[in-house]
């Protein structure tokens, strides 16, 4: 399947560099991950819609969304270390197996109890049912971390920002499909058949994955670490070794703190303006923004300084959040969601491109996992806070005469003005923080580090860096940075 680089070393030390075949392999990986993400998102969105429609509780949906982010935060570093310790295909197969198991368990629960029991969010079985679906969705994040590292593994360095844009575009397609079909599925088929569809699709994706090639020649790891251990050594040093990278992760963490407000309230606000079927269709249509944003990155890249691009995108998100719910007009909200979805893949591609450039390949999994943990830890905090705050204070306040007198000039009349007030307040805080970040020393240091850093050595390294070797159990004698490549290559 692969061709060795012409060198004088022994055949088992032959090096491989990203080339046409590895890029094609990346396309297969991306397509398969898209199928898996479609299925996971389909069931997750359906659960959120179903929970709100059956309980009419913003608090219940906030707890579900916050629990998802909390588990991502708790397991992000673990997932990242697993990605670094195993071959990338093995990680993806493991993720699919766990997800399929949880969905089968959810199906068994649905058959075991009347739906009236499962929809009682004050009882235990609602949370058990939601919890097993949640676990399946969380484990899917391990696969996405592996996908981020395969960009470094399989794509030439000068095309990685564009590859990250393609990832965003494919995720947008997945979001478009799932948001439409989740709403229609809950509205027309109900939760039971929705779970059945998810089980079948997950099984099909797993079978397909077994035939997807990911050219790898071993598992790169740091000298002195046990090849099979799942520890956390090197996570913090890998982050703090890059000037400004920790500040970037902390900024993204705060950004997610504000984003938790949106996570908790966007669906309830949308379901106030639209029926569940129509809201699913609106999400599907507006998710074209994901495709547009990812496509723009794939076409034009992120510019000389992705750090600046990331902050500019967050300025846009803050201004958007202050305006898209300022009146209870369905077209204004839909347009705002469209622009929001266009900006998100640009921000995600910028962050991934920065990490892929400044962090050595053998530590990228744990750094991506650490970033996911830190950033995701913030969202549950705000989600758990804003759910009760909106349910018991903001919504009643804005429906009262004092509330209308205080903020009616800004937000106008309507049923969901309390949610709109939460959007405006959170976005104003985000705008202030982003503007401060632009003038901060960490911004300048990380920008300089990105500009000065050579492209990260992965499969295209002729010699391994000091202190790094391949796992002899995976491929004896191969250098660590050549450990994961394959396909058509050029001489070292």
Protein backbone atom coordinates (compact mmCIF):
# COMPACT_ATOMS: atom_id res chain seq x y z
CA UNK A 1 0.00 0.00 0.00
CA UNK A 2 2.93 2.33 0.62
CA UNK A 3 6.27 3.05 -0.95
CA UNK A 4 9.44 3.46 1.13
CA UNK A 5 11.56 6.55 0.91
CA UNK A 6 14.88 5.94 -0.80
CA UNK A 7 17.42 5.92 2.02
CA UNK A 8 20.47 3.91 3.04
CA UNK A 9 18.82 2.65 6.21
CA UNK A 10 17.52 -0.86 6.67
CA UNK A 11 14.11 -1.60 5.12
CA UNK A 12 12.41 -1.69 8.52
CA UNK A 13 13.65 1.87 9.12
CA UNK A 14 12.28 3.18 5.82
CA UNK A 15 10.52 6.53 6.17
CA UNK A 16 7.26 7.67 4.66
CA UNK A 17 6.00 11.16 3.98
CA UNK A 18 2.47 12.47 3.37
CA UNK A 19 1.64 12.30 -0.32
CA UNK A 20 -1.22 11.57 -2.72
CA UNK A 21 -2.03 8.16 -1.22
CA UNK A 22 -2.08 9.40 2.36
CA UNK A 23 -4.26 12.33 1.33
CA UNK A 24 -6.69 9.87 -0.26
CA UNK A 25 -6.59 7.83 2.95
CA UNK A 26 -7.43 10.99 4.88
CA UNK A 27 -10.46 11.44 2.63
CA UNK A 28 -11.69 7.95 3.53
CA UNK A 29 -11.14 8.62 7.23
CA UNK A 30 -12.96 11.93 6.99
CA UNK A 31 -15.94 10.38 5.21
CA UNK A 32 -16.24 7.54 7.72
CA UNK A 33 -15.97 9.95 10.65
CA UNK A 34 -18.69 12.06 9.04
CA UNK A 35 -21.02 9.03 9.03
CA UNK A 36 -20.25 8.32 12.68
CA UNK A 37 -20.74 11.96 13.64
CA UNK A 38 -24.03 12.10 11.73
CA UNK A 39 -25.35 9.19 13.75
CA UNK A 40 -24.13 10.46 17.10
CA UNK A 41 -25.44 13.98 16.47
CA UNK A 42 -28.74 12.62 15.14
CA UNK A 43 -29.49 10.78 18.37
CA UNK A 44 -28.13 13.56 20.58
CA UNK A 45 -30.24 16.27 18.94
CA UNK A 46 -33.25 13.96 19.02
CA UNK A 47 -32.76 13.40 22.75
CA UNK A 48 -32.60 17.17 23.37
CA UNK A 49 -35.74 17.84 21.32
CA UNK A 50 -37.59 14.93 22.93
CA UNK A 51 -36.60 15.96 26.46
CA UNK A 52 -37.75 19.56 26.04
CA UNK A 53 -41.00 18.70 24.26
CA UNK A 54 -41.95 16.05 26.82
CA UNK A 55 -40.90 17.99 29.93
CA UNK A 56 -41.09 21.64 28.76
CA UNK A 57 -38.21 22.24 31.14
CA UNK A 58 -35.27 24.45 30.24
CA UNK A 59 -33.61 23.11 33.37
CA UNK A 60 -33.77 19.50 32.10
CA UNK A 61 -32.18 20.37 28.74
CA UNK A 62 -29.54 22.50 30.48
CA UNK A 63 -28.60 19.59 32.74
CA UNK A 64 -28.40 17.21 29.77
CA UNK A 65 -26.23 19.59 27.76
CA UNK A 66 -24.09 20.49 30.75
CA UNK A 67 -23.56 16.83 31.65
CA UNK A 68 -22.34 16.14 28.13
CA UNK A 69 -19.74 18.89 28.37
CA UNK A 70 -18.79 17.83 31.89
CA UNK A 71 -18.00 14.30 30.71
CA UNK A 72 -16.03 15.64 27.75
CA UNK A 73 -14.06 17.75 30.21
CA UNK A 74 -13.45 14.85 32.58
CA UNK A 75 -12.36 12.43 29.86
CA UNK A 76 -10.66 14.72 27.34
CA UNK A 77 -7.10 14.15 28.56
CA UNK A 78 -7.76 10.42 28.94
CA UNK A 79 -9.00 10.29 25.34
CA UNK A 80 -5.99 12.30 24.18
CA UNK A 81 -3.51 9.98 25.87
CA UNK A 82 -5.28 6.96 24.38
CA UNK A 83 -4.98 8.57 20.95
CA UNK A 84 -1.24 9.04 21.49
CA UNK A 85 -0.81 5.47 22.78
CA UNK A 86 -2.69 3.55 20.09
CA UNK A 87 -2.84 3.51 16.34
CA UNK A 88 -5.44 5.92 15.09
CA UNK A 89 -7.60 3.27 13.43
CA UNK A 90 -7.66 1.24 16.64
CA UNK A 91 -8.87 4.34 18.51
CA UNK A 92 -11.67 4.89 16.01
CA UNK A 93 -12.79 1.26 16.12
CA UNK A 94 -12.80 1.33 19.94
CA UNK A 95 -14.89 4.51 19.91
CA UNK A 96 -17.43 3.00 17.51
CA UNK A 97 -17.73 -0.20 19.56
CA UNK A 98 -18.43 1.70 22.78
CA UNK A 99 -20.95 3.98 21.07
CA UNK A 100 -22.78 1.02 19.52
CA UNK A 101 -22.94 -0.70 22.92
CA UNK A 102 -24.48 2.35 24.61
CA UNK A 103 -27.08 2.75 21.87
CA UNK A 104 -28.06 -0.91 22.20
CA UNK A 105 -28.46 -0.36 25.93
CA UNK A 106 -30.64 2.72 25.27
CA UNK A 107 -32.81 0.63 22.98
CA UNK A 108 -33.16 -2.04 25.65
CA UNK A 109 -34.21 0.60 28.20
CA UNK A 110 -36.79 2.03 25.83
CA UNK A 111 -38.32 -1.42 25.35
CA UNK A 112 -38.21 -2.18 29.07
CA UNK A 113 -40.19 0.82 30.35
CA UNK A 114 -43.31 2.70 29.23
CA UNK A 115 -42.48 6.05 27.67
CA UNK A 116 -44.46 7.74 30.45
CA UNK A 117 -41.80 6.48 32.88
CA UNK A 118 -38.87 7.53 30.69
CA UNK A 119 -40.19 11.09 30.19
CA UNK A 120 -40.58 11.71 33.92
CA UNK A 121 -37.49 13.86 34.46
CA UNK A 122 -38.09 13.78 38.19
CA UNK A 123 -37.55 10.01 38.20
CA UNK A 124 -34.34 7.99 37.75
CA UNK A 125 -35.07 6.26 34.44
CA UNK A 126 -35.21 9.48 32.43
CA UNK A 127 -31.65 10.22 33.52
CA UNK A 128 -30.44 6.66 33.01
CA UNK A 129 -31.85 6.66 29.46
CA UNK A 130 -30.39 10.10 28.69
CA UNK A 131 -27.13 9.11 30.37
CA UNK A 132 -26.36 6.08 28.22
CA UNK A 133 -27.04 8.08 25.05
CA UNK A 134 -24.84 10.84 26.47
CA UNK A 135 -21.96 8.40 27.06
CA UNK A 136 -22.15 7.22 23.46
CA UNK A 137 -21.91 10.80 22.25
CA UNK A 138 -19.04 11.62 24.59
CA UNK A 139 -16.96 8.64 23.46
CA UNK A 140 -17.37 9.90 19.90
CA UNK A 141 -15.07 12.77 20.94
CA UNK A 142 -12.16 10.33 21.20
CA UNK A 143 -12.64 9.62 17.51
CA UNK A 144 -12.65 13.35 16.74
CA UNK A 145 -9.38 13.85 18.64
CA UNK A 146 -7.89 11.04 16.56
CA UNK A 147 -9.17 12.75 13.41
CA UNK A 148 -7.32 15.95 14.35
CA UNK A 149 -4.06 14.03 14.65
CA UNK A 150 -4.60 12.28 11.31
CA UNK A 151 -4.44 15.71 9.66
CA UNK A 152 -0.82 15.91 10.83
CA UNK A 153 -0.32 12.23 10.02
CA UNK A 154 -1.65 12.13 6.48
CA UNK A 155 -1.72 15.68 5.07
CA UNK A 156 1.33 17.69 3.93
CA UNK A 157 2.20 20.55 6.27
CA UNK A 158 1.37 23.35 3.84
CA UNK A 159 -2.17 21.99 3.35
CA UNK A 160 -3.19 21.29 6.94
CA UNK A 161 -5.15 24.49 7.49
CA UNK A 162 -7.19 23.69 4.39
CA UNK A 163 -7.66 20.09 5.57
CA UNK A 164 -8.97 21.47 8.87
CA UNK A 165 -11.39 23.54 6.81
CA UNK A 166 -12.60 20.38 5.10
CA UNK A 167 -13.15 18.84 8.53
CA UNK A 168 -15.35 21.80 9.40
CA UNK A 169 -17.25 21.54 6.11
CA UNK A 170 -17.90 17.83 6.58
CA UNK A 171 -19.05 18.45 10.16
CA UNK A 172 -21.39 21.08 8.75
CA UNK A 173 -22.88 18.57 6.34
CA UNK A 174 -23.32 16.16 9.24
CA UNK A 175 -24.97 18.89 11.32
CA UNK A 176 -27.29 19.82 8.46
CA UNK A 177 -28.42 16.26 7.94
CA UNK A 178 -28.86 15.42 11.60
CA UNK A 179 -30.64 18.61 12.66
CA UNK A 180 -33.23 18.12 9.92
CA UNK A 181 -33.75 14.42 10.49
CA UNK A 182 -33.67 14.65 14.29
CA UNK A 183 -36.60 17.05 14.34
CA UNK A 184 -38.53 15.08 11.73
CA UNK A 185 -37.69 11.80 13.45
CA UNK A 186 -38.99 12.91 16.84
CA UNK A 187 -42.01 14.62 15.31
CA UNK A 188 -43.01 11.78 12.99
CA UNK A 189 -41.48 8.55 14.34
CA UNK A 190 -40.92 9.12 18.05
CA UNK A 191 -37.94 8.35 20.25
CA UNK A 192 -38.12 4.56 19.93
CA UNK A 193 -37.62 4.36 16.18
CA UNK A 194 -35.03 7.12 16.42
CA UNK A 195 -32.90 4.90 18.69
CA UNK A 196 -33.34 1.97 16.27
CA UNK A 197 -32.12 4.08 13.35
CA UNK A 198 -29.08 5.19 15.38
CA UNK A 199 -28.20 1.59 16.23
CA UNK A 200 -28.36 0.47 12.60
CA UNK A 201 -26.36 3.45 11.33
CA UNK A 202 -23.68 3.05 14.02
CA UNK A 203 -23.28 -0.64 13.18
CA UNK A 204 -22.98 0.14 9.47
CA UNK A 205 -20.33 2.81 10.16
CA UNK A 206 -18.34 0.36 12.29
CA UNK A 207 -18.37 -2.28 9.56
CA UNK A 208 -17.27 0.28 6.97
CA UNK A 209 -14.48 1.51 9.27
CA UNK A 210 -12.91 -1.95 9.30
CA UNK A 211 -12.18 -1.51 5.58
CA UNK A 212 -10.95 2.11 5.79
CA UNK A 213 -7.13 2.33 5.40
CA UNK A 214 -5.11 4.54 7.74
CA UNK A 215 -1.44 4.11 6.74
CA UNK A 216 0.57 3.84 9.97
CA UNK A 217 4.01 2.41 10.75
CA UNK A 218 3.92 2.43 14.52
CA UNK A 219 3.03 4.49 17.56
CA UNK A 220 5.25 7.48 18.36
CA UNK A 221 5.91 8.18 22.02
CA UNK A 222 8.32 10.02 24.23
CA UNK A 223 11.48 8.23 25.28
CA UNK A 224 11.21 6.84 28.78
CA UNK A 225 7.43 6.41 28.81
CA UNK A 226 6.03 2.91 28.91
CA UNK A 227 4.58 2.22 25.53
CA UNK A 228 1.34 0.80 26.77
CA UNK A 229 0.71 2.97 29.81
CA UNK A 230 -2.18 5.41 29.90
CA UNK A 231 -0.62 8.19 31.98
CA UNK A 232 -0.60 11.95 31.85
CA UNK A 233 3.13 12.55 31.74
CA UNK A 234 4.01 15.28 29.27
CA UNK A 235 0.56 16.89 29.00
CA UNK A 236 1.28 20.12 30.88
CA UNK A 237 4.93 20.36 29.71
CA UNK A 238 3.80 20.01 26.12
CA UNK A 239 1.40 22.92 26.60
CA UNK A 240 3.60 25.32 28.57
CA UNK A 241 6.60 24.68 26.31
CA UNK A 242 4.92 26.81 23.62
CA UNK A 243 4.76 30.52 24.55
CA UNK A 244 1.17 31.67 24.69
CA UNK A 245 -0.42 28.25 24.03
CA UNK A 246 -1.74 27.91 27.58
CA UNK A 247 -3.22 31.41 27.28
CA UNK A 248 -4.94 30.36 24.06
CA UNK A 249 -6.46 27.33 25.78
CA UNK A 250 -7.55 29.49 28.73
CA UNK A 251 -9.12 31.98 26.35
CA UNK A 252 -10.99 29.20 24.58
CA UNK A 253 -12.03 27.92 28.00
CA UNK A 254 -13.57 31.28 28.84
CA UNK A 255 -15.14 31.38 25.40
CA UNK A 256 -16.82 28.07 26.19
CA UNK A 257 -17.96 29.49 29.52
CA UNK A 258 -19.96 32.02 27.53
CA UNK A 259 -20.84 29.33 24.98
CA UNK A 260 -22.53 27.30 27.71
CA UNK A 261 -25.24 29.97 27.75
CA UNK A 262 -25.90 29.36 24.06
CA UNK A 263 -25.75 25.59 24.52
CA UNK A 264 -28.42 25.70 27.21
CA UNK A 265 -30.78 28.18 25.58
CA UNK A 266 -30.55 28.04 21.78
CA UNK A 267 -32.88 25.04 21.39
CA UNK A 268 -35.52 26.28 23.87
CA UNK A 269 -35.50 29.67 22.12
CA UNK A 270 -35.78 28.06 18.70
CA UNK A 271 -38.58 25.75 19.86
CA UNK A 272 -40.42 28.84 21.11
CA UNK A 273 -40.38 30.32 17.61
CA UNK A 274 -40.86 27.10 15.59
CA UNK A 275 -42.48 23.68 15.81
CA UNK A 276 -40.05 20.84 16.45
CA UNK A 277 -40.22 19.72 12.81
CA UNK A 278 -39.68 23.25 11.51
CA UNK A 279 -36.88 23.95 14.03
CA UNK A 280 -35.06 20.86 12.81
CA UNK A 281 -35.42 22.08 9.23
CA UNK A 282 -34.23 25.57 10.20
CA UNK A 283 -31.14 24.07 11.84
CA UNK A 284 -30.55 21.96 8.76
CA UNK A 285 -30.78 24.93 6.39
CA UNK A 286 -28.71 27.27 8.58
CA UNK A 287 -26.03 24.60 9.02
CA UNK A 288 -25.06 25.45 5.46
CA UNK A 289 -23.03 28.04 7.38
CA UNK A 290 -20.76 25.24 8.63
CA UNK A 291 -20.16 24.19 5.04
CA UNK A 292 -19.57 27.79 3.92
CA UNK A 293 -17.15 28.52 6.78
CA UNK A 294 -15.24 25.28 6.35
CA UNK A 295 -15.21 25.75 2.59
CA UNK A 296 -13.74 29.26 2.92
CA UNK A 297 -10.92 27.87 5.07
CA UNK A 298 -10.37 24.98 2.66
CA UNK A 299 -10.16 27.43 -0.24
CA UNK A 300 -8.24 30.36 1.24
CA UNK A 301 -6.62 29.05 4.44
CA UNK A 302 -6.42 31.10 7.64
CA UNK A 303 -3.91 33.77 6.67
CA UNK A 304 -0.43 34.31 8.06
CA UNK A 305 -1.57 34.45 11.67
CA UNK A 306 -4.35 32.00 12.68
CA UNK A 307 -4.16 33.40 16.24
CA UNK A 308 -5.41 36.78 15.02
CA UNK A 309 -8.01 35.05 12.85
CA UNK A 310 -9.32 33.18 15.90
CA UNK A 311 -9.77 36.38 17.93
CA UNK A 312 -11.44 38.21 15.05
CA UNK A 313 -13.92 35.38 14.67
CA UNK A 314 -14.76 35.65 18.37
CA UNK A 315 -15.40 39.37 17.98
CA UNK A 316 -17.92 38.46 15.29
CA UNK A 317 -19.55 35.84 17.53
CA UNK A 318 -19.89 38.35 20.38
CA UNK A 319 -21.52 40.99 18.15
CA UNK A 320 -23.81 38.35 16.69
CA UNK A 321 -24.93 37.11 20.11
CA UNK A 322 -25.89 40.65 21.08
CA UNK A 323 -28.21 41.07 18.11
CA UNK A 324 -29.70 37.80 16.79
CA UNK A 325 -32.38 37.56 19.50
CA UNK A 326 -32.89 41.27 20.09
CA UNK A 327 -36.39 40.93 18.67
CA UNK A 328 -38.60 37.84 18.53
CA UNK A 329 -38.43 37.63 14.73
CA UNK A 330 -37.96 34.16 13.33
CA UNK A 331 -35.97 35.40 10.31
CA UNK A 332 -33.54 37.38 12.50
CA UNK A 333 -32.84 34.37 14.68
CA UNK A 334 -32.45 32.04 11.70
CA UNK A 335 -30.06 34.48 10.00
CA UNK A 336 -28.07 34.80 13.21
CA UNK A 337 -27.78 31.04 13.58
CA UNK A 338 -26.59 30.83 9.96
CA UNK A 339 -23.80 33.36 10.56
CA UNK A 340 -22.91 31.73 13.88
CA UNK A 341 -22.48 28.37 12.16
CA UNK A 342 -20.36 29.97 9.46
CA UNK A 343 -17.96 31.38 12.07
CA UNK A 344 -17.60 28.26 14.22
CA UNK A 345 -15.60 26.05 11.78
CA UNK A 346 -13.23 28.95 11.12
CA UNK A 347 -12.49 29.26 14.84
CA UNK A 348 -12.10 25.50 15.21
CA UNK A 349 -9.80 25.23 12.19
CA UNK A 350 -7.66 28.09 13.53
CA UNK A 351 -7.16 26.43 16.91
CA UNK A 352 -6.38 23.04 15.38
CA UNK A 353 -3.92 24.54 12.89
CA UNK A 354 -2.07 26.35 15.69
CA UNK A 355 -1.69 23.15 17.74
CA UNK A 356 -0.65 21.09 14.71
CA UNK A 357 2.06 23.66 13.95
CA UNK A 358 3.56 24.29 17.38
CA UNK A 359 3.14 20.91 19.16
CA UNK A 360 5.20 17.81 18.25
CA UNK A 361 3.15 15.06 16.63
CA UNK A 362 3.76 12.50 19.36
CA UNK A 363 2.07 14.79 21.93
CA UNK A 364 -0.72 16.25 19.82
CA UNK A 365 -3.34 13.76 21.02
CA UNK A 366 -2.88 14.65 24.66
CA UNK A 367 -2.69 18.39 23.90
CA UNK A 368 -5.92 18.22 21.90
CA UNK A 369 -7.43 16.19 24.73
CA UNK A 370 -6.20 18.64 27.37
CA UNK A 371 -7.64 21.54 25.38
CA UNK A 372 -10.96 19.70 25.04
CA UNK A 373 -11.02 19.05 28.79
CA UNK A 374 -10.24 22.62 29.74
CA UNK A 375 -12.60 24.17 27.23
CA UNK A 376 -15.42 21.75 27.90
CA UNK A 377 -15.13 22.12 31.67
CA UNK A 378 -16.32 25.71 31.38
CA UNK A 379 -19.53 25.08 29.47
CA UNK A 380 -21.25 22.92 32.14
CA UNK A 381 -20.63 25.64 34.71
CA UNK A 382 -22.51 28.27 32.76
CA UNK A 383 -25.04 25.76 31.45
CA UNK A 384 -25.92 24.54 34.93
CA UNK A 385 -26.10 28.15 36.13
CA UNK A 386 -28.03 29.67 33.24
CA UNK A 387 -30.67 26.91 33.11
CA UNK A 388 -32.05 27.60 36.61
CA UNK A 389 -31.35 31.31 36.20
CA UNK A 390 -33.42 31.49 33.02
CA UNK A 391 -36.14 29.15 34.32
CA UNK A 392 -36.70 30.77 37.71
CA UNK A 393 -35.60 34.39 37.29
CA UNK A 394 -34.87 35.79 33.82
CA UNK A 395 -37.96 34.41 32.04
CA UNK A 396 -40.41 35.37 34.84
CA UNK A 397 -38.68 38.75 35.23
CA UNK A 398 -38.94 39.62 31.54
CA UNK A 399 -42.58 38.52 31.53
CA UNK A 400 -43.34 40.92 34.39
CA UNK A 401 -44.06 44.61 34.07
CA UNK A 402 -40.83 45.68 35.83
CA UNK A 403 -38.83 43.56 33.39
CA UNK A 404 -40.59 44.99 30.37
CA UNK A 405 -40.08 48.49 31.72
CA UNK A 406 -36.34 47.85 32.30
CA UNK A 407 -35.36 46.11 29.07
CA UNK A 408 -38.34 46.38 26.76
CA UNK A 409 -36.67 49.23 24.89
CA UNK A 410 -33.77 46.91 24.03
CA UNK A 411 -35.41 43.52 23.60
CA UNK A 412 -38.98 44.35 22.67
CA UNK A 413 -42.02 42.26 23.62
CA UNK A 414 -42.34 38.51 23.33
CA UNK A 415 -42.54 35.19 25.14
CA UNK A 416 -38.78 34.45 25.30
CA UNK A 417 -37.33 37.84 26.26
CA UNK A 418 -35.62 36.32 29.31
CA UNK A 419 -33.60 34.02 27.04
CA UNK A 420 -32.76 36.98 24.80
CA UNK A 421 -31.45 38.92 27.81
CA UNK A 422 -29.15 36.00 28.67
CA UNK A 423 -27.78 36.00 25.09
CA UNK A 424 -27.05 39.73 25.18
CA UNK A 425 -25.36 39.67 28.60
CA UNK A 426 -23.12 36.69 27.81
CA UNK A 427 -22.09 38.13 24.44
CA UNK A 428 -21.20 41.50 25.95
CA UNK A 429 -18.87 39.78 28.41
CA UNK A 430 -17.26 37.82 25.56
CA UNK A 431 -16.66 40.97 23.51
CA UNK A 432 -14.84 42.69 26.38
CA UNK A 433 -12.60 39.65 26.97
CA UNK A 434 -11.70 39.29 23.28
CA UNK A 435 -10.74 42.95 22.98
CA UNK A 436 -8.52 42.59 26.05
CA UNK A 437 -6.93 39.48 24.54
CA UNK A 438 -5.90 41.44 21.44
CA UNK A 439 -3.65 43.70 23.51
CA UNK A 440 -2.28 40.97 25.80
CA UNK A 441 1.35 39.73 25.81
CA UNK A 442 0.33 36.03 25.37
CA UNK A 443 -1.32 36.93 22.06
CA UNK A 444 1.92 38.45 20.78
CA UNK A 445 4.02 35.54 22.11
CA UNK A 446 1.85 32.83 20.55
CA UNK A 447 1.73 34.71 17.24
CA UNK A 448 5.52 34.90 17.25
CA UNK A 449 5.83 31.21 18.21
CA UNK A 450 3.55 30.19 15.35
CA UNK A 451 5.50 32.26 12.85
CA UNK A 452 8.84 30.91 14.08
CA UNK A 453 7.83 27.25 14.36
CA UNK A 454 8.72 24.90 11.52
CA UNK A 455 5.94 22.60 10.33
CA UNK A 456 5.56 19.79 12.91
CA UNK A 457 7.47 16.65 12.03
CA UNK A 458 5.22 13.67 11.64
CA UNK A 459 5.52 11.14 8.90
CA UNK A 460 7.63 13.51 6.84
CA UNK A 461 10.64 13.54 9.17
CA UNK A 462 13.88 12.10 7.85
CA UNK A 463 15.29 11.63 11.35
CA UNK A 464 13.50 11.38 14.71
CA UNK A 465 14.02 14.25 17.16
CA UNK A 466 16.01 13.68 20.29
CA UNK A 467 14.17 11.75 22.95
CA UNK A 468 11.53 10.28 20.65
CA UNK A 469 11.37 6.79 19.23
CA UNK A 470 8.81 4.42 17.80
CA UNK A 471 7.15 1.81 19.92
CA UNK A 472 9.21 -1.30 19.18
CA UNK A 473 6.17 -3.46 19.76
CA UNK A 474 4.38 -1.60 17.00
CA UNK A 475 7.24 -1.33 14.53
CA UNK A 476 10.78 -2.14 15.61
CA UNK A 477 13.46 0.31 14.54
CA UNK A 478 11.21 2.89 12.82
CA UNK A 479 11.65 6.50 13.86
CA UNK A 480 8.80 8.09 15.81
CA UNK A 481 7.93 10.81 13.34
CA UNK A 482 7.82 8.33 10.48
CA UNK A 483 5.70 6.03 12.54
CA UNK A 484 2.34 6.92 11.15
CA UNK A 485 2.74 7.66 7.46
CA UNK A 486 2.31 5.78 4.29
CA UNK A 487 1.37 6.20 0.68
CA UNK A 488 3.16 7.91 -2.15
CA UNK A 489 6.24 9.73 -0.91
CA UNK A 490 9.18 11.80 -1.92
CA UNK A 491 12.80 11.00 -1.08
CA UNK A 492 13.94 12.29 2.28
